[in-house]
Amino acid sequence: MMRSPHAFIVAVRKGGRPEADIALLREDITPVGERYPLLKKPFIRGTAALFEALWLGVKALNFSANHAVENEDGTTEELGTLAMAGTVAIAVLFSLGLFLALPLLLTKLLGMKFGAVEGSNLLFNLTDGAFRVALFLGYVSGISLMKDIRRVFEYHGAEHKAIAAYEAGAELTVENAWKHSCIHARCGTSFLFAVIVLSIVMFSLIPGTWPLWAKAAARLALLPAVAGLSYEFIRFTAKHRGRPLVEFFILPGLWLQRLTTREPSDDQIEVAIKALSEALATEPR
């Protein structure tokens, strides 16, 4: 999947076969920031970009899944808008439950056993954050063992190699892409890690004396601010690569990408190059 400012491209091998033709989904889009100028403002655009990326991600997965298995007559079926909205809602609820509600509940249970955790606002939030990081790392590590998810991570690596080749000014070929790393500073994985770390800081502002339901509600209310700050952090660090302090702060996110990317095959890089080329063709030079 590739995204240009005004287009959304997905390239998929038909039937999942390396020798098969590449199916393309191309949609012209108007960024939400252009439709609603307020959403282009710093610290607000991050939340808007997150939900837009989630919506497009579901569309990409739907298109990919439909072309992985074709009907006997060669046709595919697409999810309707209502089904896509339901998928996004389930994904959001699952994420909030696993990475927000569960760590809070585990910390509360731990605090009932160890008074020091419940009695210290700092220790409570650090424990909550540690649970959140552990659950996230465990979840990503666990799904990476699944064969289908591993292929997704290989395509993730292919996307990064293709983008790195383009940013280096090289011709978009498989050979040139292979010279580059699977790791990229502006990856969504780094954004998610920034969200987790900044949430620990932001949630520490919530008074420890509040009841559990109030802490949960306050965390939900702070999520847009966390997403906005994380987005600005990624933008800032991408523009200032090479500075020692910037390199230090982005290092954990780059390490985490070693879980969400894998070395791709030639045919996977070819698909990534096809998607990138189509995305570049939609924008004026």
Foldseek 3Di string as FASTA:
>chain_A
DDADQFKDKAWEFALNDLVGDIDMDMDTHHQVCVVPVVCVDFLNVLVSVVLVCLLSVLQNVQVHVQRNDDDPVRHGDGDDPVVSVVVSVVVVVVCCVQQPVVLLVVLVVVCVVPVVLLVDLLNSLVSSLVSNVVSVLVVLLVCCVDPVQVQVQALLLLLQLQVVLVVVVHDRALVSSVVDGSFDLLDVLLLVVQLSVVLSVVLSVPDSPDDSVVSSVVSVVCSSSSSSVSVVLSVVLNVDPPDPVSCVVSVVSRVSSVSRHDNHDSSSNVSSNVRVVVNVVVDDD
